[in-house]
Amino acid sequence: MGHFSIKDLESLSGIKAHTIRMWEQRYGVLRPVRTATNIRTYCDSDLRRLLNVATLCERGQRISQVASLSEQELCSAVAACCDDPHQHNPQITALLMATLDMDERRFSCTLTQAAQELGFEATVLNIIYPFLYRVGVLWQTGSLNPAQEHMASHLLRQKLLAASDALGPSDEDEAPRWVLFLPAGELHELALLFMNYLLRARGHHVLYLGQNLPVEELASICQCYQPQHIATVLTTVPERDRLQTFVDELARLCPAIDFVLYGPLVHQPELQLPTRFVRLQRMTDFIQLAEQLRVAVVR
């Protein structure tokens, strides 16, 4: 069972802490327990109820009405109202609840419906990325078990692969050529899969090599495929004290290639980037780069 602070609930629900306190005191929405030092703590059932209450309130229902609903009535009302993907927070909440309940069908249907209405790219940026942030909070608080996290990651991976496969390879000879890979030991693939989709959607050529590639293979890959660009995502690999050595090795193996680095590890302030390397802060920066390179080729 998870134990949440009110700040945890704020991060997960999007509802400000002072609003949660007001709902708690005035309407009895939650009933936290208090520690020996009089600090409120909340459990899994509190989180689930708050997510459902927040979803209905965001759709314009009054808190006084929502607070009076039984748990069954609350769940039924939420299920009925999460059909508008243009209001992103209800969709994020629906994914989070489906993950906690390990409901694959509800998870998949929520994503499919949002993609049909919003488009796949907007769904990833506006729904999936905020959802993954909230999953991270749940993981940190011990309220998400490995099976739940694996289910969500697997289903997201399937959606990204299917969307990329539907695009097919570029048929333009002069389009930019990319290699996408994760280094040996790096298994966090979702961001790289989305990069694959973004590039293909803009007509780039992509050689997608996925997880766990020994960097020594890059030299022969470049010789054979002749890319102009290589992108990788560094989340947990390499270790921080080996990061500079790793980046320098990439530059040595492929001295004429432009490298794009993404992920939490690449923003270490002490990291010195070799010539032709760039690190990106946000996925929207990668989208901008892909579009600029495409326009340059068209011209």
Protein backbone atom coordinates (compact mmCIF):
# COMPACT_ATOMS: atom_id res chain seq x y z
CA MET A 1 0.00 0.00 0.00
CA GLY A 2 1.28 3.44 -0.95
CA HIS A 3 1.63 6.33 1.45
CA PHE A 4 1.22 9.76 -0.13
CA SER A 5 1.80 13.27 1.10
CA ILE A 6 -0.57 15.98 -0.02
CA LYS A 7 2.14 17.19 -2.42
CA ASP A 8 2.19 13.71 -3.99
CA LEU A 9 -1.57 13.93 -4.52
CA GLU A 10 -1.16 17.37 -6.06
CA SER A 11 1.41 16.03 -8.56
CA LEU A 12 -0.67 13.00 -9.46
CA SER A 13 -4.08 14.65 -9.73
CA GLY A 14 -3.26 18.16 -10.93
CA ILE A 15 -5.40 19.52 -8.09
CA LYS A 16 -3.71 22.13 -5.89
CA ALA A 17 -2.94 21.13 -2.32
CA HIS A 18 -5.08 23.91 -0.84
CA THR A 19 -8.06 22.73 -2.94
CA ILE A 20 -7.56 19.15 -1.74
CA ARG A 21 -7.56 20.38 1.86
CA MET A 22 -10.75 22.36 1.28
CA TRP A 23 -12.50 19.36 -0.33
CA GLU A 24 -11.35 17.22 2.56
CA GLN A 25 -12.51 19.59 5.29
CA ARG A 26 -15.73 20.84 3.73
CA TYR A 27 -16.99 17.79 1.84
CA GLY A 28 -15.18 14.82 3.39
CA VAL A 29 -13.81 13.73 0.01
CA LEU A 30 -10.76 12.16 1.67
CA ARG A 31 -10.08 10.87 5.14
CA PRO A 32 -6.33 10.87 5.70
CA VAL A 33 -4.62 9.45 8.72
CA ARG A 34 -2.15 11.51 10.67
CA THR A 35 1.35 10.58 11.73
CA ALA A 36 2.66 10.96 15.27
CA THR A 37 3.84 14.43 14.21
CA ASN A 38 0.33 15.33 12.93
CA ILE A 39 1.17 15.16 9.22
CA ARG A 40 -1.57 13.96 6.86
CA THR A 41 -0.84 10.77 4.91
CA TYR A 42 -3.03 9.23 2.22
CA CYS A 43 -3.40 5.68 0.93
CA ASP A 44 -4.12 4.06 -2.45
CA SER A 45 -7.88 4.31 -2.03
CA ASP A 46 -7.57 8.04 -1.29
CA LEU A 47 -5.58 8.48 -4.51
CA ARG A 48 -8.12 6.59 -6.59
CA ARG A 49 -11.03 8.56 -5.15
CA LEU A 50 -9.27 11.90 -5.68
CA LEU A 51 -8.45 11.04 -9.31
CA ASN A 52 -12.08 10.21 -9.98
CA VAL A 53 -13.37 13.30 -8.18
CA ALA A 54 -10.89 15.50 -10.07
CA THR A 55 -11.99 14.04 -13.41
CA LEU A 56 -15.65 14.87 -12.78
CA CYS A 57 -14.92 18.35 -11.44
CA GLU A 58 -12.79 19.14 -14.49
CA ARG A 59 -15.84 18.28 -16.61
CA GLY A 60 -17.88 20.96 -14.85
CA GLN A 61 -19.63 19.00 -12.11
CA ARG A 62 -19.95 20.61 -8.70
CA ILE A 63 -17.76 19.25 -5.93
CA SER A 64 -20.77 19.19 -3.58
CA GLN A 65 -22.56 16.82 -5.98
CA VAL A 66 -19.50 14.66 -6.71
CA ALA A 67 -18.62 14.27 -3.03
CA SER A 68 -22.05 12.79 -2.32
CA LEU A 69 -21.61 9.92 -4.81
CA SER A 70 -20.90 6.39 -3.65
CA GLU A 71 -17.74 4.70 -4.90
CA GLN A 72 -19.70 2.73 -7.48
CA GLU A 73 -21.57 5.81 -8.68
CA LEU A 74 -18.29 7.74 -8.86
CA CYS A 75 -16.59 5.09 -10.99
CA SER A 76 -19.60 4.80 -13.32
CA ALA A 77 -19.72 8.57 -13.81
CA VAL A 78 -16.01 8.73 -14.64
CA ALA A 79 -16.29 5.88 -17.15
CA ALA A 80 -19.11 7.72 -18.88
CA CYS A 81 -17.35 11.07 -19.16
CA CYS A 82 -13.86 10.17 -20.42
CA ASP A 83 -14.77 10.28 -24.11
CA ASP A 84 -13.40 13.70 -25.03
CA PRO A 85 -9.65 13.56 -25.75
CA HIS A 86 -9.49 17.32 -26.23
CA GLN A 87 -9.67 17.62 -22.45
CA HIS A 88 -6.38 15.95 -21.71
CA ASN A 89 -6.43 15.50 -17.95
CA PRO A 90 -9.42 13.10 -17.94
CA GLN A 91 -7.58 10.94 -20.48
CA ILE A 92 -4.39 10.99 -18.41
CA THR A 93 -6.38 10.03 -15.34
CA ALA A 94 -8.13 7.24 -17.25
CA LEU A 95 -4.73 5.79 -18.25
CA LEU A 96 -3.50 6.05 -14.68
CA MET A 97 -6.56 4.29 -13.30
CA ALA A 98 -6.33 1.58 -15.97
CA THR A 99 -2.69 1.04 -14.99
CA LEU A 100 -3.49 0.75 -11.28
CA ASP A 101 -6.34 -1.67 -12.09
CA MET A 102 -4.21 -3.53 -14.67
CA ASP A 103 -7.05 -3.08 -17.17
CA GLU A 104 -5.40 -3.56 -20.58
CA ARG A 105 -8.61 -3.08 -22.53
CA ARG A 106 -9.45 0.27 -20.92
CA PHE A 107 -5.85 1.46 -21.32
CA SER A 108 -5.75 0.57 -25.02
CA CYS A 109 -9.20 1.96 -25.78
CA THR A 110 -8.36 5.29 -24.12
CA LEU A 111 -5.24 5.69 -26.26
CA THR A 112 -6.93 4.56 -29.47
CA GLN A 113 -9.81 6.96 -29.05
CA ALA A 114 -7.51 9.88 -28.23
CA ALA A 115 -5.32 9.15 -31.27
CA GLN A 116 -8.35 9.05 -33.54
CA GLU A 117 -9.52 12.44 -32.30
CA LEU A 118 -6.25 14.28 -31.64
CA GLY A 119 -3.80 12.51 -33.91
CA PHE A 120 -1.07 10.19 -32.72
CA GLU A 121 1.68 12.78 -32.26
CA ALA A 122 -0.48 15.12 -30.19
CA THR A 123 -1.66 12.17 -28.10
CA VAL A 124 1.91 11.27 -27.20
CA LEU A 125 2.89 14.86 -26.37
CA ASN A 126 -0.25 15.89 -24.49
CA ILE A 127 -1.40 12.65 -22.89
CA ILE A 128 1.31 9.99 -22.81
CA TYR A 129 4.16 12.20 -21.60
CA PRO A 130 2.17 13.68 -18.67
CA PHE A 131 0.93 10.18 -17.89
CA LEU A 132 4.50 8.87 -17.71
CA TYR A 133 5.41 11.69 -15.33
CA ARG A 134 2.62 10.64 -12.99
CA VAL A 135 3.69 7.01 -13.26
CA GLY A 136 7.13 8.15 -12.11
CA VAL A 137 5.60 9.76 -9.03
CA LEU A 138 3.71 6.55 -8.25
CA TRP A 139 6.89 4.55 -8.64
CA GLN A 140 8.79 6.85 -6.27
CA THR A 141 6.10 6.55 -3.62
CA GLY A 142 6.02 2.75 -3.89
CA SER A 143 2.43 2.69 -5.12
CA LEU A 144 3.10 1.12 -8.51
CA ASN A 145 4.33 -2.43 -8.69
CA PRO A 146 6.59 -3.79 -11.48
CA ALA A 147 3.73 -5.65 -13.16
CA GLN A 148 1.65 -2.48 -13.48
CA GLU A 149 4.60 -0.50 -14.86
CA HIS A 150 5.47 -3.29 -17.31
CA MET A 151 1.89 -3.48 -18.57
CA ALA A 152 1.77 0.25 -19.30
CA SER A 153 5.22 0.29 -20.93
CA HIS A 154 4.43 -2.75 -23.07
CA LEU A 155 1.15 -1.31 -24.34
CA LEU A 156 2.75 2.06 -25.11
CA ARG A 157 5.58 0.30 -26.95
CA GLN A 158 3.02 -1.60 -29.03
CA LYS A 159 1.21 1.62 -29.95
CA LEU A 160 4.46 3.34 -30.98
CA LEU A 161 5.60 0.39 -33.07
CA ALA A 162 2.23 0.07 -34.80
CA ALA A 163 2.07 3.79 -35.59
CA SER A 164 5.60 3.77 -37.04
CA ASP A 165 4.95 0.61 -39.04
CA ALA A 166 1.85 2.18 -40.58
CA LEU A 167 3.98 5.02 -41.97
CA GLY A 168 6.45 2.77 -43.78
CA PRO A 169 9.88 3.83 -45.08
CA SER A 170 10.50 7.06 -46.97
CA ASP A 171 10.63 6.77 -50.77
CA GLU A 172 12.66 9.97 -51.24
CA ASP A 173 16.32 9.31 -52.00
CA GLU A 174 17.50 12.73 -50.78
CA ALA A 175 15.72 12.63 -47.41
CA PRO A 176 17.95 12.81 -44.28
CA ARG A 177 19.27 9.46 -43.08
CA TRP A 178 19.26 8.54 -39.38
CA VAL A 179 20.42 5.74 -37.13
CA LEU A 180 18.57 5.41 -33.82
CA PHE A 181 19.97 3.21 -31.05
CA LEU A 182 20.25 2.66 -27.32
CA PRO A 183 23.64 1.65 -25.86
CA ALA A 184 24.31 -1.69 -24.21
CA GLY A 185 22.38 -1.98 -20.96
CA GLU A 186 19.92 0.84 -21.75
CA LEU A 187 16.38 -0.53 -21.87
CA HIS A 188 14.21 2.62 -21.68
CA GLU A 189 13.01 2.64 -25.28
CA LEU A 190 9.81 4.70 -25.43
CA ALA A 191 11.44 8.06 -26.24
CA LEU A 192 13.55 6.48 -29.00
CA LEU A 193 10.47 4.80 -30.46
CA PHE A 194 8.71 8.15 -30.56
CA MET A 195 11.72 9.69 -32.32
CA ASN A 196 11.44 6.90 -34.88
CA TYR A 197 7.79 7.81 -35.47
CA LEU A 198 8.47 11.55 -35.65
CA LEU A 199 11.22 11.14 -38.26
CA ARG A 200 9.22 8.74 -40.43
CA ALA A 201 6.19 11.03 -40.26
CA ARG A 202 8.37 13.79 -41.75
CA GLY A 203 9.77 11.67 -44.55
CA HIS A 204 13.22 10.91 -43.11
CA HIS A 205 15.02 7.61 -43.65
CA VAL A 206 15.46 5.75 -40.36
CA LEU A 207 17.50 2.69 -39.45
CA TYR A 208 16.02 1.77 -36.09
CA LEU A 209 18.35 -0.48 -34.06
CA GLY A 210 16.57 -0.29 -30.69
CA GLN A 211 17.91 -1.45 -27.36
CA ASN A 212 21.22 -2.75 -26.19
CA LEU A 213 23.55 -1.99 -29.12
CA PRO A 214 27.29 -2.21 -28.42
CA VAL A 215 28.71 1.16 -29.54
CA GLU A 216 31.63 -0.61 -31.25
CA GLU A 217 29.16 -1.62 -33.97
CA LEU A 218 28.49 1.98 -34.99
CA ALA A 219 31.55 2.35 -37.20
CA SER A 220 30.59 -0.53 -39.48
CA ILE A 221 26.92 0.53 -39.41
CA CYS A 222 27.83 4.02 -40.59
CA GLN A 223 30.10 2.67 -43.29
CA CYS A 224 27.29 0.49 -44.64
CA TYR A 225 24.23 2.75 -44.14
CA GLN A 226 25.87 6.17 -44.59
CA PRO A 227 23.67 8.20 -42.21
CA GLN A 228 24.03 11.93 -41.67
CA HIS A 229 22.60 11.76 -38.14
CA ILE A 230 22.63 9.40 -35.15
CA ALA A 231 20.32 9.80 -32.15
CA THR A 232 20.35 8.05 -28.80
CA VAL A 233 18.55 8.40 -25.48
CA LEU A 234 20.55 8.08 -22.26
CA THR A 235 18.37 7.41 -19.22
CA THR A 236 20.34 5.05 -16.98
CA VAL A 237 23.38 4.12 -19.11
CA PRO A 238 26.28 4.84 -19.02
CA GLU A 239 27.13 5.49 -15.38
CA ARG A 240 27.69 9.16 -14.69
CA ASP A 241 31.44 8.80 -14.20
CA ARG A 242 31.70 7.12 -17.62
CA LEU A 243 29.46 9.52 -19.52
CA GLN A 244 32.26 11.70 -20.94
CA THR A 245 34.24 8.64 -22.04
CA PHE A 246 31.15 7.22 -23.73
CA VAL A 247 30.42 10.43 -25.65
CA ASP A 248 34.06 10.78 -26.71
CA GLU A 249 33.98 7.19 -27.98
CA LEU A 250 30.94 7.97 -30.12
CA ALA A 251 32.80 10.89 -31.66
CA ARG A 252 35.86 8.72 -32.35
CA LEU A 253 33.85 5.95 -33.99
CA CYS A 254 31.79 8.23 -36.23
CA PRO A 255 33.75 11.50 -36.67
CA ALA A 256 31.71 12.82 -39.62
CA ILE A 257 28.23 12.18 -38.21
CA ASP A 258 25.93 14.61 -36.41
CA PHE A 259 24.85 13.18 -33.04
CA VAL A 260 21.65 14.04 -31.18
CA LEU A 261 21.66 13.19 -27.46
CA TYR A 262 18.47 13.09 -25.43
CA GLY A 263 17.53 11.94 -21.94
CA PRO A 264 18.25 12.88 -18.32
CA LEU A 265 21.91 11.85 -18.33
CA VAL A 266 22.98 14.18 -21.14
CA HIS A 267 22.28 17.33 -19.13
CA GLN A 268 25.12 16.86 -16.67
CA PRO A 269 26.77 20.31 -16.46
CA GLU A 270 30.28 18.86 -16.58
CA LEU A 271 29.67 16.99 -19.86
CA GLN A 272 31.73 18.47 -22.71
CA LEU A 273 30.21 17.81 -26.13
CA PRO A 274 32.50 17.08 -29.07
CA THR A 275 32.07 18.84 -32.39
CA ARG A 276 28.86 17.90 -34.26
CA PHE A 277 27.05 16.86 -31.06
CA VAL A 278 23.86 18.48 -29.75
CA ARG A 279 21.81 17.68 -26.65
CA LEU A 280 18.09 18.38 -26.62
CA GLN A 281 16.02 19.30 -23.58
CA ARG A 282 12.52 18.50 -24.83
CA MET A 283 10.95 16.26 -27.44
CA THR A 284 9.51 19.35 -29.09
CA ASP A 285 13.13 20.44 -29.71
CA PHE A 286 13.67 17.19 -31.60
CA ILE A 287 10.52 17.81 -33.65
CA GLN A 288 11.79 21.27 -34.56
CA LEU A 289 15.17 19.85 -35.60
CA ALA A 290 13.55 17.17 -37.75
CA GLU A 291 11.39 19.74 -39.51
CA GLN A 292 14.32 22.11 -40.11
CA LEU A 293 16.41 19.32 -41.65
CA ARG A 294 13.49 18.28 -43.87
CA VAL A 295 12.94 21.83 -45.11
CA ALA A 296 16.63 22.21 -45.85
CA VAL A 297 16.53 19.12 -48.09
CA VAL A 298 13.40 20.28 -49.91
CA ARG A 299 15.06 23.59 -50.71
